[in-house]
């Protein structure tokens, strides 16, 4: 029998242990230039609560459950101590690609953001061509964040496949749309796999995409799925290969992602856990960034000086603490 999870910490305890930070980004990512996060120091370590502001409280409650697991329960025993990771290229102009890649060091895989609002398929093609020019032998995957409709996705992936794509992450928003794109690419002989991200972590039923035959693999993120143990269970039930990715976390959140990647029975793809390189600074003096295409498991502790240096404004701290209080109510047994 698995050990029972520890009881839910009292709200007063969480509020007393909370640190709210705002970390500047090197480049715009998801439309932001600063990433806000609420960090919790628990008896088992540090946890991170950082759902994006547009997420409702019910959805954000899974992020809080993940932070509490990290801080009050700790992680499952790892099966591996080194996790391969990809570089991440935001939706920047092609000329900026070499500089961004340089921050990741040597990597074997690159994830490239595409379908950015206000940009064109030509912009995406130029960005991918710049990645291929800089790294001729790297594996390339794209992430559209549901930015295309079905016809646009089929057109785009047919064209972009020419650079050699491993897979396309969430090309369209819906599960039915993913299935349609996947069938069309297979019928045309276009060698691009379909990965589901939002259709796993934002669905009430994260296994629906697997039952619908809408994806070749799934992207799993610890915080939106409610913690490492719940994510492991979802991967096991889905029966599809999994890629572990981040939600633009600090090293505290990346440590949870590494715990998931380290505990998966199989890890066939490089993970999207190298995103700390997109920050100007982190909350630890020993950030979890890739070295020679991988990150080694190690303990992460937030540095008091960095927590103070990057502390959010009083207004934003109050906003996050109020959100924490509301979201905690969703986890409290009625």
Protein backbone atom coordinates (compact mmCIF):
# COMPACT_ATOMS: atom_id res chain seq x y z
CA UNK A 1 0.00 0.00 0.00
CA UNK A 2 1.38 3.46 -0.90
CA UNK A 3 1.96 5.81 2.00
CA UNK A 4 -0.86 8.26 2.64
CA UNK A 5 -0.23 11.83 1.58
CA UNK A 6 0.39 14.25 4.46
CA UNK A 7 -2.57 16.35 5.59
CA UNK A 8 -3.22 19.64 3.84
CA UNK A 9 -1.23 22.43 5.53
CA UNK A 10 -3.31 25.14 7.16
CA UNK A 11 -3.68 28.34 5.16
CA UNK A 12 -2.01 30.32 7.93
CA UNK A 13 1.04 28.05 7.67
CA UNK A 14 1.25 28.55 3.90
CA UNK A 15 0.89 32.31 4.16
CA UNK A 16 3.66 32.46 6.75
CA UNK A 17 6.01 30.48 4.48
CA UNK A 18 5.23 32.35 1.23
CA UNK A 19 7.69 34.39 -0.85
CA UNK A 20 6.46 36.19 -3.96
CA UNK A 21 9.02 37.04 -6.64
CA UNK A 22 9.07 38.67 -10.06
CA UNK A 23 11.92 37.46 -12.27
CA UNK A 24 12.88 39.37 -15.42
CA UNK A 25 12.99 37.44 -18.69
CA UNK A 26 15.72 37.68 -21.31
CA UNK A 27 13.12 37.55 -24.10
CA UNK A 28 9.35 37.83 -24.26
CA UNK A 29 7.75 34.44 -23.59
CA UNK A 30 3.99 33.85 -23.53
CA UNK A 31 3.68 37.60 -23.95
CA UNK A 32 5.47 38.47 -20.68
CA UNK A 33 8.85 39.96 -19.80
CA UNK A 34 8.69 39.08 -16.08
CA UNK A 35 7.61 35.81 -14.45
CA UNK A 36 5.84 36.03 -11.11
CA UNK A 37 5.83 33.10 -8.72
CA UNK A 38 4.90 32.29 -5.14
CA UNK A 39 7.44 30.04 -3.42
CA UNK A 40 6.71 27.99 -0.31
CA UNK A 41 9.31 26.60 2.05
CA UNK A 42 7.95 23.40 3.56
CA UNK A 43 9.44 20.81 5.90
CA UNK A 44 10.45 18.59 2.94
CA UNK A 45 11.82 21.38 0.74
CA UNK A 46 10.67 24.19 -1.53
CA UNK A 47 7.49 24.20 -3.61
CA UNK A 48 6.37 26.58 -6.35
CA UNK A 49 2.88 27.97 -7.01
CA UNK A 50 2.88 29.92 -10.27
CA UNK A 51 -0.29 29.41 -12.34
CA UNK A 52 -0.54 32.10 -14.99
CA UNK A 53 -2.88 34.95 -14.01
CA UNK A 54 -5.58 34.00 -16.52
CA UNK A 55 -6.12 30.59 -14.89
CA UNK A 56 -9.19 30.26 -12.69
CA UNK A 57 -8.95 29.23 -9.04
CA UNK A 58 -10.20 25.67 -9.60
CA UNK A 59 -7.56 25.01 -12.25
CA UNK A 60 -4.92 26.76 -10.14
CA UNK A 61 -5.68 24.42 -7.23
CA UNK A 62 -3.74 21.67 -9.03
CA UNK A 63 -0.69 23.94 -9.08
CA UNK A 64 -1.03 24.44 -5.33
CA UNK A 65 -1.37 20.70 -4.77
CA UNK A 66 1.89 20.25 -6.68
CA UNK A 67 3.67 22.89 -4.58
CA UNK A 68 2.45 21.25 -1.37
CA UNK A 69 3.61 17.82 -2.57
CA UNK A 70 7.11 19.23 -3.17
CA UNK A 71 7.30 21.12 0.10
CA UNK A 72 5.51 18.78 2.49
CA UNK A 73 5.82 15.29 1.00
CA UNK A 74 8.87 15.25 -1.24
CA UNK A 75 9.35 13.28 -4.45
CA UNK A 76 9.29 9.58 -5.40
CA UNK A 77 12.55 7.68 -5.64
CA UNK A 78 14.29 8.37 -8.98
CA UNK A 79 15.10 5.73 -11.59
CA UNK A 80 17.74 7.98 -13.18
CA UNK A 81 19.85 10.91 -12.00
CA UNK A 82 20.49 12.65 -15.33
CA UNK A 83 17.67 14.02 -17.52
CA UNK A 84 18.23 15.08 -21.17
CA UNK A 85 16.67 18.44 -22.00
CA UNK A 86 15.94 20.51 -25.09
CA UNK A 87 16.69 24.15 -25.74
CA UNK A 88 13.66 26.41 -26.15
CA UNK A 89 13.49 29.13 -28.79
CA UNK A 90 10.65 31.66 -28.26
CA UNK A 91 8.84 33.26 -31.19
CA UNK A 92 11.69 35.65 -31.95
CA UNK A 93 13.03 36.97 -35.24
CA UNK A 94 15.35 34.55 -37.02
CA UNK A 95 18.36 36.80 -36.44
CA UNK A 96 18.04 36.34 -32.66
CA UNK A 97 18.08 32.55 -32.77
CA UNK A 98 21.88 32.00 -32.54
CA UNK A 99 22.15 34.19 -29.44
CA UNK A 100 19.32 32.36 -27.70
CA UNK A 101 20.72 28.94 -28.53
CA UNK A 102 24.13 30.00 -27.21
CA UNK A 103 22.66 30.34 -23.70
CA UNK A 104 21.78 26.63 -23.62
CA UNK A 105 25.24 25.30 -24.46
CA UNK A 106 25.45 22.01 -26.34
CA UNK A 107 22.04 20.45 -26.94
CA UNK A 108 20.72 17.65 -29.11
CA UNK A 109 17.09 18.82 -29.26
CA UNK A 110 15.37 22.20 -29.70
CA UNK A 111 11.76 23.22 -29.20
CA UNK A 112 10.72 26.18 -31.33
CA UNK A 113 7.65 28.29 -30.65
CA UNK A 114 5.44 28.88 -33.70
CA UNK A 115 1.97 30.26 -34.54
CA UNK A 116 2.54 33.39 -32.47
CA UNK A 117 -0.28 35.92 -32.80
CA UNK A 118 0.69 38.68 -35.21
CA UNK A 119 3.32 36.57 -36.99
CA UNK A 120 3.17 34.61 -40.24
CA UNK A 121 4.13 31.15 -41.42
CA UNK A 122 7.07 32.78 -43.18
CA UNK A 123 8.29 34.02 -39.77
CA UNK A 124 8.02 30.48 -38.39
CA UNK A 125 9.84 29.01 -41.38
CA UNK A 126 12.67 31.54 -41.07
CA UNK A 127 13.05 30.82 -37.33
CA UNK A 128 13.21 27.08 -37.95
CA UNK A 129 15.69 27.53 -40.77
CA UNK A 130 17.90 29.56 -38.42
CA UNK A 131 17.78 26.76 -35.83
CA UNK A 132 18.64 24.15 -38.45
CA UNK A 133 21.51 26.30 -39.74
CA UNK A 134 22.92 26.73 -36.23
CA UNK A 135 22.43 23.06 -35.24
CA UNK A 136 22.46 20.88 -38.38
CA UNK A 137 22.20 17.60 -36.47
CA UNK A 138 19.76 18.58 -33.72
CA UNK A 139 16.27 17.15 -33.29
CA UNK A 140 13.69 19.92 -33.77
CA UNK A 141 10.15 20.02 -32.46
CA UNK A 142 7.63 22.89 -32.68
CA UNK A 143 5.05 24.15 -30.20
CA UNK A 144 2.05 26.07 -31.51
CA UNK A 145 0.15 26.35 -28.19
CA UNK A 146 -3.08 25.72 -30.11
CA UNK A 147 -2.45 28.75 -32.32
CA UNK A 148 -3.64 27.27 -35.63
CA UNK A 149 -6.97 26.00 -36.89
CA UNK A 150 -7.01 22.62 -38.63
CA UNK A 151 -6.41 23.79 -42.25
CA UNK A 152 -3.65 26.18 -41.12
CA UNK A 153 -1.98 23.46 -39.06
CA UNK A 154 -1.98 21.00 -41.96
CA UNK A 155 -0.54 23.64 -44.29
CA UNK A 156 2.07 24.79 -41.78
CA UNK A 157 3.28 21.35 -40.72
CA UNK A 158 3.44 20.15 -44.32
CA UNK A 159 5.71 23.09 -45.10
CA UNK A 160 7.77 23.07 -41.90
CA UNK A 161 8.35 19.32 -42.08
CA UNK A 162 11.06 20.12 -44.61
CA UNK A 163 13.50 21.06 -41.86
CA UNK A 164 12.97 17.68 -40.24
CA UNK A 165 10.45 17.87 -37.37
CA UNK A 166 10.30 15.31 -34.61
CA UNK A 167 6.81 16.35 -33.50
CA UNK A 168 4.38 19.24 -33.33
CA UNK A 169 3.07 20.16 -29.89
CA UNK A 170 -0.60 21.20 -29.64
CA UNK A 171 -0.97 22.52 -33.20
CA UNK A 172 -4.70 23.17 -32.70
CA UNK A 173 -6.77 23.84 -29.56
CA UNK A 174 -9.20 20.91 -29.48
CA UNK A 175 -8.86 17.17 -29.16
CA UNK A 176 -11.05 16.57 -32.22
CA UNK A 177 -8.84 18.98 -34.15
CA UNK A 178 -5.68 17.17 -33.06
CA UNK A 179 -7.12 13.89 -34.29
CA UNK A 180 -8.05 15.47 -37.63
CA UNK A 181 -4.58 16.98 -38.13
CA UNK A 182 -2.93 13.70 -37.17
CA UNK A 183 -5.03 11.72 -39.67
CA UNK A 184 -4.37 14.24 -42.45
CA UNK A 185 -0.60 14.18 -41.94
CA UNK A 186 -0.56 10.39 -41.83
CA UNK A 187 -2.64 10.16 -45.03
CA UNK A 188 -0.27 12.55 -46.80
CA UNK A 189 2.81 10.71 -45.57
CA UNK A 190 4.06 13.79 -43.69
CA UNK A 191 6.46 12.46 -41.02
CA UNK A 192 5.45 14.71 -38.11
CA UNK A 193 4.13 13.23 -34.88
CA UNK A 194 1.43 15.02 -32.88
CA UNK A 195 1.97 15.83 -29.21
CA UNK A 196 -0.82 16.94 -26.88
CA UNK A 197 -0.08 19.49 -24.15
CA UNK A 198 -3.03 21.75 -23.30
CA UNK A 199 -5.38 18.91 -24.26
CA UNK A 200 -3.88 16.96 -21.35
CA UNK A 201 -3.20 19.52 -18.64
CA UNK A 202 -6.20 21.82 -19.19
CA UNK A 203 -8.82 19.11 -19.68
CA UNK A 204 -11.01 17.92 -16.82
CA UNK A 205 -10.23 14.43 -18.09
CA UNK A 206 -6.52 14.33 -19.00
CA UNK A 207 -6.91 10.84 -20.51
CA UNK A 208 -9.48 11.90 -23.12
CA UNK A 209 -6.81 12.68 -25.72
CA UNK A 210 -5.37 9.17 -25.49
CA UNK A 211 -8.79 7.52 -25.82
CA UNK A 212 -9.55 9.67 -28.88
CA UNK A 213 -6.38 8.58 -30.67
CA UNK A 214 -5.58 12.27 -31.09
CA UNK A 215 -1.86 12.20 -30.31
CA UNK A 216 1.27 10.11 -30.71
CA UNK A 217 2.70 11.35 -27.41
CA UNK A 218 1.73 13.56 -24.51
CA UNK A 219 3.47 16.50 -22.89
CA UNK A 220 3.18 16.44 -19.11
CA UNK A 221 3.84 19.32 -16.72
CA UNK A 222 3.95 18.64 -13.02
CA UNK A 223 2.23 21.72 -11.62
CA UNK A 224 -0.84 21.85 -13.92
CA UNK A 225 -1.42 18.12 -13.33
CA UNK A 226 -1.34 18.35 -9.54
CA UNK A 227 2.09 16.98 -8.69
CA UNK A 228 4.62 14.32 -9.60
CA UNK A 229 2.63 11.33 -8.34
CA UNK A 230 -0.57 12.32 -10.16
CA UNK A 231 1.39 12.97 -13.36
CA UNK A 232 3.00 9.52 -13.12
CA UNK A 233 -0.45 7.98 -12.80
CA UNK A 234 -1.77 9.90 -15.83
CA UNK A 235 1.17 8.80 -17.98
CA UNK A 236 0.67 5.18 -16.91
CA UNK A 237 -3.04 5.27 -17.73
CA UNK A 238 -2.60 7.11 -21.03
CA UNK A 239 -0.25 4.45 -22.38
CA UNK A 240 1.54 6.97 -24.61
CA UNK A 241 5.17 8.12 -24.62
CA UNK A 242 5.61 11.24 -22.48
CA UNK A 243 7.72 14.37 -22.67
CA UNK A 244 8.15 16.24 -19.39
CA UNK A 245 8.05 20.00 -19.80
CA UNK A 246 8.04 23.12 -17.64
CA UNK A 247 5.48 25.84 -17.10
CA UNK A 248 8.13 28.58 -17.16
CA UNK A 249 9.15 27.71 -13.60
CA UNK A 250 12.01 28.83 -11.42
CA UNK A 251 14.54 26.17 -10.46
CA UNK A 252 12.16 25.12 -7.68
CA UNK A 253 9.51 24.14 -10.22
CA UNK A 254 12.10 22.66 -12.56
CA UNK A 255 13.22 20.39 -9.72
CA UNK A 256 9.68 18.97 -9.59
CA UNK A 257 9.76 18.43 -13.36
CA UNK A 258 13.07 16.63 -13.03
CA UNK A 259 11.57 14.45 -10.29
CA UNK A 260 8.84 13.37 -12.71
CA UNK A 261 11.29 12.74 -15.55
CA UNK A 262 13.54 10.80 -13.19
CA UNK A 263 10.68 8.58 -11.99
CA UNK A 264 9.13 7.67 -15.35
CA UNK A 265 9.73 4.04 -16.34
CA UNK A 266 10.72 5.21 -19.85
CA UNK A 267 12.02 8.58 -21.04
CA UNK A 268 12.24 8.42 -24.85
CA UNK A 269 12.39 12.18 -25.53
CA UNK A 270 14.52 15.06 -24.31
CA UNK A 271 12.50 17.10 -21.82
CA UNK A 272 11.46 20.73 -21.99
CA UNK A 273 13.03 21.58 -18.64
CA UNK A 274 15.77 23.97 -19.76
CA UNK A 275 13.70 27.14 -19.50
CA UNK A 276 15.60 28.70 -16.57
CA UNK A 277 18.03 29.87 -19.28
CA UNK A 278 15.27 32.24 -20.43
CA UNK A 279 15.44 34.15 -17.10
CA UNK A 280 17.81 37.01 -16.36
CA UNK A 281 18.15 35.58 -12.86
CA UNK A 282 16.81 32.71 -10.76
CA UNK A 283 16.01 32.31 -7.04
CA UNK A 284 18.99 30.04 -6.34
CA UNK A 285 22.72 30.56 -6.70
CA UNK A 286 22.96 27.12 -8.36
CA UNK A 287 20.20 27.22 -11.01
CA UNK A 288 19.00 24.10 -12.77
CA UNK A 289 20.31 24.79 -16.27
CA UNK A 290 21.50 22.31 -18.85
CA UNK A 291 25.08 21.15 -18.98
CA UNK A 292 26.02 19.27 -22.15
CA UNK A 293 22.36 18.75 -23.04
CA UNK A 294 21.20 17.41 -19.68
CA UNK A 295 20.42 18.39 -16.09
CA UNK A 296 21.61 16.30 -13.16
CA UNK A 297 19.26 15.83 -10.21
CA UNK A 298 20.23 17.84 -7.17
CA UNK A 299 18.65 19.63 -4.25
CA UNK A 300 17.35 23.16 -4.82
CA UNK A 301 17.06 25.77 -2.11
CA UNK A 302 15.95 29.34 -2.65
CA UNK A 303 18.53 31.96 -1.70
CA UNK A 304 17.34 34.56 0.81
CA UNK A 305 19.28 37.34 -0.91
CA UNK A 306 17.74 36.58 -4.30
CA UNK A 307 14.26 36.27 -2.78
CA UNK A 308 14.72 39.75 -1.38
CA UNK A 309 16.29 41.18 -4.55
CA UNK A 310 13.48 39.94 -6.78
CA UNK A 311 10.62 40.33 -4.33
CA UNK A 312 7.43 41.40 -6.06
CA UNK A 313 5.84 44.74 -5.27
CA UNK A 314 3.57 44.97 -2.24
CA UNK A 315 0.56 45.15 -4.53
CA UNK A 316 1.54 42.01 -6.44
CA UNK A 317 2.42 40.18 -3.23
CA UNK A 318 -1.04 40.94 -1.84
CA UNK A 319 -2.58 39.72 -5.12
CA UNK A 320 -0.75 36.38 -4.90
CA UNK A 321 -1.50 35.88 -1.21
CA UNK A 322 -5.19 36.53 -1.83
CA UNK A 323 -5.08 34.05 -4.69
CA UNK A 324 -3.37 31.50 -2.48
CA UNK A 325 -6.14 31.86 0.08
CA UNK A 326 -8.89 31.39 -2.52
CA UNK A 327 -7.21 28.42 -4.16
CA UNK A 328 -6.48 26.73 -0.83
CA UNK A 329 -10.22 26.58 -0.27
CA UNK A 330 -10.57 24.28 -3.31
CA UNK A 331 -8.24 21.75 -1.66
CA UNK A 332 -9.85 21.94 1.79
CA UNK A 333 -12.18 18.98 2.54
CA UNK A 334 -15.75 20.13 2.89
